[in-house]
Structures are given as C-alpha cells and as structure tokens.
Amino acid sequence: MYFSELNLCSEILLALDEKGYETPTKIQAEAIPKILSGCDILGGSQTGTGKTAAFTLPILEQLKNRKSESKKPLVLILTPTRELAAQVHESIITYGKNLCISSSVAFGGVNIKPQVRALKQGSTILVATPGRLLDLAGQGVLNLSQIETLVLDEADRMLDMGFIHDIRKVMKLIPPKRQTLFFSATYSIAIKKLADNLLTNPHKIEVTRKNTAAETVKQSMYNVPKSRKRDLLAHLIIKGDWNQVLVFTKTKHAANRLAKFLCSQNISAEPIHGNKSQSARTRALNNFKSYKTRVLVATDIAARGIDIDQLPHVVNYELPQVAEDYIHRIGRTGRAGSSGEAISLIDKAEKSMLKSIERLMKRSIYVNRFDDFSLEPKEHNRPSENKDRERSPRQRDGQNRRRNDNKNRRKNFKKDQPSSKETKEGNNGQNNQKRATHSRSSKGHSGNPSKGKKQLRSSSSQQRTEKRNFNKHRPSNK
C-alpha cells in the first residue's frame, strides 16, 4: 500500500514525497482511513512505528478546506513533555507546509508571552502540555469551546507523570461532542479506564502485541557492579567507536555526574533532564542530532520526546522504576524500520526489576560476556591529586623552605617544654592541691573557699596558656 491510496490530498503527498516517505506503516495504514471517517480511535503500537503521522496526516486532510470563523483552535493535541510537543508541532509544519493551516505550540519552561501572542493571532491546531494549557486558559487567553478533535499522544506517560487531574480539568473546557484520538505505547488498567471515559465506541487498533518492543531492536545486557558501570560504558563507547549514544539514568544528579565523567574520558557528553532550562535542553538535543555531542545522558522525563532518525545505540545505565518505561527507553532506537541496539547495565540490586521487565515483555534478555574488560575496581585520580606531577624550580624551593621552617619550629618547641619528670611532679602537686581544697569544702572548713576556687582557675589558666604556646609553635600545614 502507498500513501496515495489513503485519500490524502496532493499537497500532503508532495510533502511526504519530499521526506522520502512512500509506504505507510501498519498503524498509519489502519488509522488514517478510520480517522478520516470520523471515528474515535484507541491506538496501541510500539514506540517508533509512526503514531505521530498516523493522526497528523488525517487531521491536516480534514482541515485543508476549513477556515475557522474565529481565532479559536479547532484541534487540540496533548503531550506529556515539552520535547514531544515540539516534535509533534514540527511534524505538523513539515506535512502541512503546502497548506494554509496555522498551528502553535505551548509548553512550560519558557517565556509565556510569545505563546500568548501566537494564540491571539489565531491557531487552528494547538499542541500543548496539560500544565501550560491550563495556565493559558486560566489567564483568559485561550478558549477551547470550538475544539472538534482531541488527541492524547503518549497517554500512558501522562498518567505516569500525574497528569490525570489536569486531563480531567481540560475535559471540562472542551465540548463533549468531538472526535477523540487516544494513542498509547503500553496498556494498563488505568489506561483502559481513562479510555473508557473519554472515547465513544472507539475503533481499536493494535498492530503489535501489547507491551512489546520493536523487533528491529537488538536487546542485551551486562552483569556489572554499580561501581564499574561508568568504566564499562566508556569502554563500550571507545571500543565500539559509537558516535551517537543515548544513555538513560534514574535521577538528574546521576545524569550530571555521568556526563561529567564521560567528558573526563575525552567523550563529549551532555545531560538533559527536568532541571535544565528549555533552551539548554533544546541546545543539547540539537548538538546530539548534529553529532557535535557524542553521548546524551537523559532521564525518563525526556524519553518520550527524543525522536532521532536511525539512532544506533541506547544504553540503560540504570533500569527504570516502572517496567513500561523500559519499552519507551529502547523505543528511541530501531524507529521507522531501522535497526538499533539497546544495552542494559545490571547490578545485583536491579535483578528484581529485570525480572519484572522480562515478565512484561514475555521474553528474556541476552546476557553479554566480557572480552577485554576487567571488573576489578579502578581508581580515578584527579589531576590535582597526582603526587608525581611536575613542579617548577621556584615551587620546589618554596616547598623545601617551608619544610625546613617547620622542622626548626618543632625543635625550638621541644627545647622550651619542661622535662617529663618536672611535668609529672607538677601534675602531682596540682592534684594534691585539688584534693585538699575539695576536702576542706566538704568538711565545712573555716578557711576561705574562694581561695581554692582561685587556685583551680589559675591551674586551668596555666593549661590554656600551655595550649596556646603549643599551637603557636605547631608546624603549619600550608
């Protein structure tokens, strides 16, 4: 089957031809005719099989001769992350560049004023994340009363990120009579429950088995201690001469540390996660796509928005907390029919998570063997900690001079100190004096009690004086 057989207009076909697309994927071939007929869709397909084009192409076809009487949007597309929203908006611009259809994108992390100006000018298609969409609606800038088509892309990820309450608020802002397109890469009880509430007699599309990865992705793993993971990763990148690697970690701090370590091994790397500004995330992603950066270290928050043609390698530096996220991670490679490799680095603490992933996919992951890599711990010395580093003659002279001065101070300090015999006799005298003072005070002696206290204060004062003298003549560490 070809795209020309799917009742798409010549303007869209020309844009597809310029991109080199001739034949649709399975989900595209099945979803496009049903969407054009006005049906609600419940679509399930593996990540990287063309779900974005499966709903953007028929939407553009439906809107090609439509002109909104007002500046209110007719189509709303919700995505869980900023990167995915930008990717979907880019696809709309690419496929609809020969059509007079306006579109805009709205997400957080950037200045809201340009997005407000774009909405005031009018947009037929709006791509947004739930949080920023509600902010715009709350400010009275956005009116969703004329929405005719609602798309929930990566709905499972929205639920994982806690957007269920925001989605319910959005549902109250749009008309109940609409066409709803619901797409998800994985299925769970929560997903089915949400779909039942949003869809009306949906047409179900499932081109692959639930919760599985694409067959074009070669999956394997290494059993390696946590302390040796980063060394093994650097070894694999250098030995395999990998030019483009996407690495996933569980936390933002782990991503920063790993990227810093790889840079110390002369491997260009950048982190991308939620703590980064949108401009920094976009810059890191563009550098990775243009091969300026060799390794992109990401967290799961960015897993759904990274769409790179023919990405060869994905590495799970740490397994995700949710088994379904593993499928989305490795789905960044092997996209659109191309081959890819997904490698996981597993330590003992992650064995239970590995079993959950294998149980979800109903298959085992191949275990690689070590060829020329040792699991023995390796010390990483910083340049500043290298004791054998070269010093200039001036630095060596200064160091020798400070060493001799410290020796002389120690000698003079020892000469000024009393002998051990004198010290012992002095201590015995002080102890006897203390005991005598205590006995007089306990028996109600008629002597002056303040005299004993004065002697105690004088002895403690003498000890403080000796301590100051010691610190004064103590060798300096500088």
Protein backbone atom coordinates (compact mmCIF):
# COMPACT_ATOMS: atom_id res chain seq x y z
CA MET A 1 0.00 0.00 0.00
CA TYR A 2 1.08 3.56 -0.76
CA PHE A 3 0.12 6.90 0.80
CA SER A 4 -1.57 7.81 -2.48
CA GLU A 5 -4.18 5.13 -1.74
CA LEU A 6 -5.23 6.69 1.58
CA ASN A 7 -7.30 9.59 0.14
CA LEU A 8 -4.78 12.25 1.09
CA CYS A 9 -4.60 15.49 -0.90
CA SER A 10 -1.79 16.24 -3.35
CA GLU A 11 -0.26 18.89 -1.05
CA ILE A 12 0.26 16.34 1.72
CA LEU A 13 1.53 13.70 -0.69
CA LEU A 14 4.07 16.18 -2.05
CA ALA A 15 5.36 16.88 1.48
CA LEU A 16 5.63 13.14 2.16
CA ASP A 17 7.46 12.61 -1.11
CA GLU A 18 9.99 15.31 -0.20
CA LYS A 19 10.67 13.46 3.06
CA GLY A 20 11.12 10.20 1.17
CA TYR A 21 8.02 8.50 2.59
CA GLU A 22 6.12 6.30 0.12
CA THR A 23 4.58 3.45 2.08
CA PRO A 24 2.71 3.86 5.39
CA THR A 25 3.44 1.80 8.47
CA LYS A 26 0.86 -0.65 9.78
CA ILE A 27 -0.71 1.73 12.26
CA GLN A 28 -0.77 4.54 9.66
CA ALA A 29 -2.46 2.35 7.06
CA GLU A 30 -5.15 1.30 9.53
CA ALA A 31 -5.67 4.56 11.47
CA ILE A 32 -5.76 7.17 8.66
CA PRO A 33 -8.95 5.89 6.91
CA LYS A 34 -10.78 5.47 10.24
CA ILE A 35 -9.86 8.97 11.42
CA LEU A 36 -10.98 10.45 8.10
CA SER A 37 -14.35 8.72 8.59
CA GLY A 38 -14.79 10.49 11.97
CA CYS A 39 -14.36 7.51 14.33
CA ASP A 40 -12.86 7.68 17.79
CA ILE A 41 -9.57 5.78 17.86
CA LEU A 42 -7.92 3.70 20.57
CA GLY A 43 -4.48 3.09 19.09
CA GLY A 44 -1.74 0.93 20.52
CA SER A 45 1.59 0.45 18.81
CA GLN A 46 5.25 0.18 19.64
CA THR A 47 7.29 3.33 20.06
CA GLY A 48 8.84 4.45 16.79
CA THR A 49 6.21 2.98 14.45
CA GLY A 50 4.85 6.29 13.16
CA LYS A 51 2.00 7.12 15.56
CA THR A 52 2.55 10.86 15.13
CA ALA A 53 1.97 10.77 11.38
CA ALA A 54 -0.96 8.41 11.93
CA PHE A 55 -3.01 11.26 13.42
CA THR A 56 -1.36 14.41 11.99
CA LEU A 57 -1.91 13.41 8.32
CA PRO A 58 -5.69 12.81 8.54
CA ILE A 59 -6.15 15.92 10.73
CA LEU A 60 -4.44 18.06 8.08
CA GLU A 61 -6.61 16.41 5.43
CA GLN A 62 -9.77 17.25 7.40
CA LEU A 63 -8.70 20.90 7.86
CA LYS A 64 -7.42 21.64 4.37
CA ASN A 65 -10.61 23.44 3.30
CA ARG A 66 -11.69 24.59 6.75
CA LYS A 67 -11.43 28.18 7.91
CA SER A 68 -12.25 28.98 11.50
CA GLU A 69 -14.66 31.88 11.80
CA SER A 70 -12.84 32.98 14.95
CA LYS A 71 -9.26 32.66 16.15
CA LYS A 72 -10.11 29.77 18.44
CA PRO A 73 -8.38 26.40 17.84
CA LEU A 74 -10.27 23.51 16.26
CA VAL A 75 -7.79 20.74 17.12
CA LEU A 76 -6.09 20.16 20.48
CA ILE A 77 -3.17 17.75 20.81
CA LEU A 78 -1.98 16.98 24.36
CA THR A 79 1.50 15.58 25.02
CA PRO A 80 3.25 14.77 28.32
CA THR A 81 6.60 16.50 27.70
CA ARG A 82 7.97 19.64 26.09
CA GLU A 83 10.20 17.69 23.70
CA LEU A 84 7.29 15.61 22.43
CA ALA A 85 5.13 18.71 21.98
CA ALA A 86 7.88 20.36 19.92
CA GLN A 87 8.31 17.17 17.89
CA VAL A 88 4.57 16.89 17.08
CA HIS A 89 4.41 20.58 16.13
CA GLU A 90 7.41 20.14 13.85
CA SER A 91 5.67 17.21 12.13
CA ILE A 92 2.55 19.34 11.55
CA ILE A 93 4.66 22.08 9.97
CA THR A 94 6.53 19.55 7.81
CA TYR A 95 3.48 17.69 6.49
CA GLY A 96 1.29 20.78 6.18
CA LYS A 97 3.77 23.24 4.69
CA ASN A 98 1.85 23.29 1.40
CA LEU A 99 -1.45 24.01 3.19
CA CYS A 100 -2.68 27.25 4.72
CA ILE A 101 -3.22 25.85 8.21
CA SER A 102 -1.95 27.74 11.23
CA SER A 103 -0.57 25.92 14.25
CA SER A 104 1.14 26.78 17.52
CA VAL A 105 2.78 25.01 20.45
CA ALA A 106 2.55 25.78 24.17
CA PHE A 107 4.61 24.25 26.97
CA GLY A 108 6.25 25.29 30.20
CA GLY A 109 9.86 26.16 30.93
CA VAL A 110 9.91 29.11 28.51
CA ASN A 111 8.52 32.64 28.39
CA ILE A 112 4.74 32.58 28.08
CA LYS A 113 4.44 35.90 26.21
CA PRO A 114 5.34 34.58 22.70
CA GLN A 115 2.81 31.78 23.16
CA VAL A 116 0.14 34.31 24.17
CA ARG A 117 0.85 36.41 21.06
CA ALA A 118 0.62 33.32 18.81
CA LEU A 119 -2.77 32.37 20.28
CA LYS A 120 -4.11 35.90 19.90
CA GLN A 121 -3.16 35.85 16.23
CA GLY A 122 -5.15 32.62 15.84
CA SER A 123 -4.18 28.94 15.56
CA THR A 124 -6.23 26.17 14.01
CA ILE A 125 -4.13 23.43 15.62
CA LEU A 126 -2.76 23.74 19.15
CA VAL A 127 -0.14 21.34 20.54
CA ALA A 128 0.34 21.73 24.30
CA THR A 129 1.30 20.14 27.57
CA PRO A 130 -1.51 19.99 30.19
CA GLY A 131 0.10 22.36 32.70
CA ARG A 132 0.78 25.26 30.34
CA LEU A 133 -2.60 24.75 28.63
CA LEU A 134 -4.43 25.27 31.93
CA ASP A 135 -2.28 28.34 32.68
CA LEU A 136 -3.28 29.94 29.38
CA ALA A 137 -6.94 29.06 29.88
CA GLY A 138 -6.84 30.44 33.43
CA GLN A 139 -5.48 33.77 32.16
CA GLY A 140 -8.36 34.04 29.70
CA VAL A 141 -6.03 33.91 26.70
CA LEU A 142 -7.25 30.54 25.41
CA ASN A 143 -10.79 29.46 24.55
CA LEU A 144 -11.37 25.76 23.84
CA SER A 145 -15.10 25.94 23.19
CA GLN A 146 -14.72 25.14 19.47
CA ILE A 147 -12.49 22.08 19.73
CA GLU A 148 -13.65 19.42 17.28
CA THR A 149 -10.78 16.93 17.58
CA LEU A 150 -8.87 15.96 20.71
CA VAL A 151 -5.65 13.92 20.55
CA LEU A 152 -3.96 12.35 23.57
CA ASP A 153 -0.48 11.32 22.50
CA GLU A 154 1.51 9.03 24.83
CA ALA A 155 -1.44 8.83 27.24
CA ASP A 156 0.29 6.25 29.42
CA ARG A 157 3.15 8.63 30.10
CA MET A 158 0.67 11.35 31.09
CA LEU A 159 -0.74 9.08 33.76
CA ASP A 160 2.75 8.13 34.96
CA MET A 161 3.60 11.82 35.38
CA GLY A 162 0.44 12.51 37.36
CA PHE A 163 -1.46 14.48 34.72
CA ILE A 164 -4.76 12.66 35.27
CA HIS A 165 -6.25 15.56 37.25
CA ASP A 166 -5.12 18.10 34.64
CA ILE A 167 -6.66 15.97 31.89
CA ARG A 168 -9.98 15.95 33.72
CA LYS A 169 -9.86 19.74 34.01
CA VAL A 170 -9.17 20.04 30.28
CA MET A 171 -12.14 17.79 29.52
CA LYS A 172 -14.42 20.32 31.22
CA LEU A 173 -13.16 23.09 28.93
CA ILE A 174 -13.85 21.37 25.59
CA PRO A 175 -17.18 20.37 24.00
CA PRO A 176 -18.43 16.85 24.83
CA LYS A 177 -19.30 16.26 21.19
CA ARG A 178 -15.94 15.77 19.50
CA GLN A 179 -13.67 13.23 17.86
CA THR A 180 -11.14 11.78 20.30
CA LEU A 181 -7.93 10.03 19.26
CA PHE A 182 -6.21 8.11 22.03
CA PHE A 183 -2.69 6.72 21.46
CA SER A 184 -0.51 4.80 23.88
CA ALA A 185 2.55 2.58 23.53
CA THR A 186 1.69 0.50 26.62
CA TYR A 187 -1.56 -0.63 28.21
CA SER A 188 -2.51 -0.79 31.86
CA ILE A 189 -5.73 -0.89 33.89
CA ALA A 190 -5.55 2.90 34.39
CA ILE A 191 -5.16 3.46 30.64
CA LYS A 192 -8.19 1.32 29.85
CA LYS A 193 -10.24 3.12 32.48
CA LEU A 194 -9.30 6.54 31.09
CA ALA A 195 -10.05 5.45 27.54
CA ASP A 196 -13.49 4.20 28.52
CA ASN A 197 -14.32 7.62 29.99
CA LEU A 198 -13.09 9.64 27.00
CA LEU A 199 -13.97 7.56 23.95
CA THR A 200 -17.31 6.75 22.37
CA ASN A 201 -17.49 3.42 20.53
CA PRO A 202 -13.82 3.62 19.58
CA HIS A 203 -12.20 1.68 16.79
CA LYS A 204 -9.38 -0.30 18.38
CA ILE A 205 -6.08 -0.51 16.53
CA GLU A 206 -3.36 -2.78 17.83
CA VAL A 207 -0.81 -3.65 15.21
CA THR A 208 1.58 -5.38 17.65
CA ARG A 209 1.33 -7.34 20.86
CA LYS A 210 0.83 -5.23 23.97
CA ASN A 211 3.85 -4.01 25.95
CA THR A 212 6.50 -5.16 23.50
CA ALA A 213 9.46 -3.51 21.83
CA ALA A 214 10.11 -3.40 18.10
CA GLU A 215 11.71 -6.50 16.62
CA THR A 216 14.34 -4.29 14.95
CA VAL A 217 15.87 -3.53 18.36
CA LYS A 218 18.59 -5.94 19.50
CA GLN A 219 18.40 -6.20 23.29
CA SER A 220 21.24 -7.37 25.54
CA MET A 221 22.66 -6.76 28.99
CA TYR A 222 25.84 -6.87 31.09
CA ASN A 223 26.05 -8.03 34.71
CA VAL A 224 28.35 -5.43 36.26
CA PRO A 225 28.81 -3.95 39.75
CA LYS A 226 27.48 -0.45 40.25
CA SER A 227 30.98 0.91 40.89
CA ARG A 228 32.18 -0.29 37.47
CA LYS A 229 29.25 0.78 35.32
CA ARG A 230 30.68 4.07 34.16
CA ASP A 231 34.01 2.46 33.25
CA LEU A 232 32.24 -0.24 31.24
CA LEU A 233 30.16 2.39 29.45
CA ALA A 234 33.25 4.38 28.48
CA HIS A 235 34.93 1.14 27.37
CA LEU A 236 32.00 0.17 25.13
CA ILE A 237 31.81 3.64 23.55
CA ILE A 238 35.54 3.82 22.81
CA LYS A 239 35.97 0.21 21.71
CA GLY A 240 32.85 0.18 19.53
CA ASP A 241 33.57 3.67 18.16
CA TRP A 242 29.99 4.74 18.90
CA ASN A 243 29.29 8.19 17.52
CA GLN A 244 25.74 8.62 18.82
CA VAL A 245 24.63 7.06 22.13
CA LEU A 246 21.58 7.83 24.23
CA VAL A 247 22.11 6.88 27.89
CA PHE A 248 19.31 6.76 30.48
CA THR A 249 19.68 7.26 34.23
CA LYS A 250 17.08 7.31 37.01
CA THR A 251 17.97 10.66 38.58
CA LYS A 252 19.05 14.11 37.44
CA HIS A 253 22.15 14.12 39.64
CA ALA A 254 23.24 10.76 38.24
CA ALA A 255 22.90 12.18 34.73
CA ASN A 256 25.08 15.17 35.62
CA ARG A 257 27.75 13.02 37.26
CA LEU A 258 27.87 10.53 34.39
CA ALA A 259 28.12 13.26 31.74
CA LYS A 260 30.96 14.88 33.71
CA PHE A 261 32.81 11.56 33.98
CA LEU A 262 32.48 10.83 30.26
CA CYS A 263 33.86 14.27 29.43
CA SER A 264 36.87 13.49 31.66
CA GLN A 265 37.43 10.41 29.47
CA ASN A 266 37.52 12.59 26.32
CA ILE A 267 34.00 11.53 25.34
CA SER A 268 31.78 14.52 24.58
CA ALA A 269 28.56 14.24 26.61
CA GLU A 270 25.70 16.46 27.77
CA PRO A 271 22.90 15.83 30.30
CA ILE A 272 19.23 16.56 29.60
CA HIS A 273 16.60 16.49 32.35
CA GLY A 274 13.88 18.47 34.08
CA ASN A 275 16.25 20.80 35.97
CA LYS A 276 17.64 22.14 32.70
CA SER A 277 16.01 25.16 31.11
CA GLN A 278 14.14 24.60 27.88
CA SER A 279 16.80 26.45 25.89
CA ALA A 280 19.53 24.25 27.41
CA ARG A 281 17.53 21.08 26.67
CA THR A 282 16.91 22.16 23.09
CA ARG A 283 20.57 23.06 22.59
CA ALA A 284 21.75 19.71 23.99
CA LEU A 285 19.31 17.82 21.78
CA ASN A 286 20.36 19.76 18.66
CA ASN A 287 24.04 19.15 19.42
CA PHE A 288 23.31 15.44 19.75
CA LYS A 289 21.37 15.30 16.49
CA SER A 290 24.13 17.13 14.62
CA TYR A 291 26.83 14.80 16.07
CA LYS A 292 28.52 17.66 17.96
CA THR A 293 27.85 15.69 21.16
CA ARG A 294 28.66 12.00 21.20
CA VAL A 295 26.61 10.98 24.24
CA LEU A 296 23.31 12.37 25.51
CA VAL A 297 22.57 11.40 29.13
CA ALA A 298 18.83 11.66 29.82
CA THR A 299 16.24 10.86 32.45
CA ASP A 300 12.85 9.27 31.78
CA ILE A 301 11.21 12.69 31.62
CA ALA A 302 12.85 13.18 28.22
CA ALA A 303 12.40 9.63 26.94
CA ARG A 304 9.17 10.33 25.06
CA GLY A 305 10.31 13.46 23.25
CA ILE A 306 13.58 12.32 21.68
CA ASP A 307 12.94 11.42 18.06
CA ILE A 308 16.18 10.85 16.15
CA ASP A 309 16.34 9.16 12.79
CA GLN A 310 18.41 5.98 12.83
CA LEU A 311 19.72 6.32 16.39
CA PRO A 312 22.06 3.30 16.65
CA HIS A 313 22.58 2.82 20.39
CA VAL A 314 20.57 3.17 23.60
CA VAL A 315 22.08 2.29 26.99
CA ASN A 316 20.16 1.76 30.22
CA TYR A 317 22.80 2.87 32.71
CA GLU A 318 20.17 2.27 35.40
CA LEU A 319 16.92 0.39 34.98
CA PRO A 320 13.74 2.45 35.36
CA GLN A 321 11.43 2.13 38.35
CA VAL A 322 8.47 1.23 36.09
CA ALA A 323 8.82 -1.71 33.70
CA GLU A 324 6.82 0.04 30.96
CA ASP A 325 9.40 2.84 30.84
CA TYR A 326 11.97 0.32 29.64
CA ILE A 327 9.95 -0.15 26.44
CA HIS A 328 9.82 3.60 25.85
CA ARG A 329 13.53 3.96 26.51
CA ILE A 330 14.68 1.37 24.00
CA GLY A 331 11.99 2.61 21.59
CA ARG A 332 14.24 5.60 20.85
CA THR A 333 16.24 3.28 18.59
CA GLY A 334 15.02 0.97 15.83
CA ARG A 335 12.49 3.56 14.66
CA ALA A 336 10.70 3.56 11.29
CA GLY A 337 12.01 0.10 10.40
CA SER A 338 15.71 0.84 11.02
CA SER A 339 17.81 -1.42 13.23
CA GLY A 340 19.18 -0.46 16.63
CA GLU A 341 20.85 -1.82 19.74
CA ALA A 342 19.72 -1.48 23.36
CA ILE A 343 22.17 -2.43 26.12
CA SER A 344 21.40 -2.52 29.86
CA LEU A 345 23.98 -2.43 32.66
CA ILE A 346 22.60 -4.51 35.55
CA ASP A 347 23.90 -4.80 39.10
CA LYS A 348 22.67 -7.14 41.83
CA ALA A 349 20.17 -4.64 43.24
CA GLU A 350 18.39 -4.41 39.87
CA LYS A 351 17.77 -8.13 39.38
CA SER A 352 14.18 -7.93 40.60
CA MET A 353 13.45 -5.03 38.24
CA LEU A 354 14.97 -7.02 35.39
CA LYS A 355 12.59 -9.91 36.10
CA SER A 356 9.63 -7.50 36.01
CA ILE A 357 10.72 -6.20 32.60
CA GLU A 358 11.19 -9.69 31.19
CA ARG A 359 7.82 -10.72 32.60
CA LEU A 360 6.16 -7.71 30.95
CA MET A 361 7.72 -8.39 27.54
CA LYS A 362 7.36 -12.18 27.92
CA ARG A 363 10.92 -12.72 26.79
CA SER A 364 14.40 -12.92 28.30
CA ILE A 365 17.24 -10.50 27.59
CA TYR A 366 20.51 -11.91 26.24
CA VAL A 367 23.49 -11.67 28.62
CA ASN A 368 26.76 -10.46 27.04
CA ARG A 369 30.18 -11.70 28.07
CA PHE A 370 33.21 -9.57 28.86
CA ASP A 371 36.02 -9.85 26.34
CA ASP A 372 38.74 -7.40 27.33
CA PHE A 373 37.22 -5.61 30.32
CA SER A 374 38.09 -6.31 33.97
CA LEU A 375 35.56 -6.00 36.77
CA GLU A 376 38.29 -5.19 39.30
CA PRO A 377 37.85 -1.74 40.89
CA LYS A 378 39.77 1.06 39.23
CA GLU A 379 40.99 4.25 40.87
CA HIS A 380 40.35 7.52 39.08
CA ASN A 381 42.96 10.07 40.13
CA ARG A 382 42.16 13.68 39.54
CA PRO A 383 44.96 15.82 38.08
CA SER A 384 45.13 17.82 41.32
CA GLU A 385 45.61 14.61 43.33
CA ASN A 386 48.61 13.36 41.28
CA LYS A 387 51.62 13.36 43.56
CA ASP A 388 54.09 12.90 40.72
CA ARG A 389 53.06 15.99 38.80
CA GLU A 390 55.90 18.22 37.68
CA ARG A 391 56.73 21.37 39.66
CA SER A 392 58.71 24.41 38.68
CA PRO A 393 62.06 25.09 40.43
CA ARG A 394 60.52 28.02 42.27
CA GLN A 395 57.74 25.80 43.62
CA ARG A 396 60.24 23.15 44.75
CA ASP A 397 62.41 25.75 46.55
CA GLY A 398 59.41 27.19 48.34
CA GLN A 399 58.27 23.73 49.42
CA ASN A 400 61.75 22.85 50.77
CA ARG A 401 61.96 26.16 52.63
CA ARG A 402 58.58 25.59 54.31
CA ARG A 403 59.63 22.06 55.27
CA ASN A 404 62.85 23.30 56.95
CA ASP A 405 60.99 26.05 58.80
CA ASN A 406 58.55 23.51 60.20
CA LYS A 407 61.44 21.33 61.43
CA ASN A 408 63.07 24.29 63.21
CA ARG A 409 59.80 25.23 64.89
CA ARG A 410 59.36 21.71 66.21
CA LYS A 411 62.93 21.68 67.61
CA ASN A 412 62.50 25.03 69.37
CA PHE A 413 59.16 23.95 70.80
CA LYS A 414 60.70 20.79 72.30
CA LYS A 415 63.51 22.81 73.93
CA ASP A 416 61.04 25.18 75.63
CA GLN A 417 58.96 22.34 77.07
CA PRO A 418 59.72 21.02 80.63
CA SER A 419 61.12 17.54 81.08
CA SER A 420 58.84 14.60 81.70
CA LYS A 421 59.94 14.37 85.36
CA GLU A 422 59.15 18.03 86.04
CA THR A 423 55.83 17.70 84.30
CA LYS A 424 54.94 14.68 86.42
CA GLU A 425 55.85 16.39 89.67
CA GLY A 426 53.89 19.49 88.68
CA ASN A 427 50.83 17.42 87.90
CA ASN A 428 51.06 15.57 91.21
CA GLY A 429 51.25 18.88 93.07
CA GLN A 430 48.20 20.23 91.31
CA ASN A 431 46.23 17.05 92.01
CA ASN A 432 47.12 17.14 95.71
CA GLN A 433 46.09 20.78 95.90
CA LYS A 434 42.72 20.00 94.28
CA ARG A 435 42.05 17.13 96.72
CA ALA A 436 42.91 19.33 99.70
CA THR A 437 40.58 22.05 98.52
CA HIS A 438 37.78 19.57 98.00
CA SER A 439 38.22 18.03 101.49
CA ARG A 440 38.13 21.43 103.19
CA SER A 441 34.92 22.42 101.41
CA SER A 442 33.22 19.08 102.18
CA LYS A 443 34.09 19.14 105.95
CA GLY A 444 32.94 22.73 106.39
CA HIS A 445 36.49 24.04 106.94
CA SER A 446 36.67 27.57 108.22
CA GLY A 447 39.15 28.55 105.57
CA ASN A 448 38.29 30.82 102.70
CA PRO A 449 36.55 28.70 99.99
CA SER A 450 37.21 31.30 97.33
CA LYS A 451 40.92 30.65 97.69
CA GLY A 452 40.56 27.09 96.46
CA LYS A 453 38.46 28.20 93.51
CA LYS A 454 41.11 30.80 92.68
CA GLN A 455 43.78 28.09 92.65
CA LEU A 456 41.65 25.94 90.33
CA ARG A 457 41.15 28.86 88.00
CA SER A 458 44.88 29.54 87.97
CA SER A 459 45.67 25.91 87.10
CA SER A 460 43.17 25.87 84.23
CA SER A 461 44.56 29.21 83.07
CA GLN A 462 48.03 27.69 83.05
CA GLN A 463 46.78 24.80 80.91
CA ARG A 464 45.23 27.20 78.41
CA THR A 465 48.50 29.13 78.23
CA GLU A 466 50.44 25.93 77.52
CA LYS A 467 47.93 25.01 74.78
CA ARG A 468 48.30 28.43 73.13
CA ASN A 469 52.07 28.10 73.19
CA PHE A 470 51.81 24.68 71.62
CA ASN A 471 49.54 25.91 68.82
CA LYS A 472 51.78 28.90 68.30
CA HIS A 473 54.83 26.73 67.64
CA ARG A 474 52.88 24.00 65.88
CA PRO A 475 54.05 23.39 62.26
CA SER A 476 51.79 24.91 59.64
CA ASN A 477 50.15 22.71 57.02
CA LYS A 478 50.35 25.43 54.36
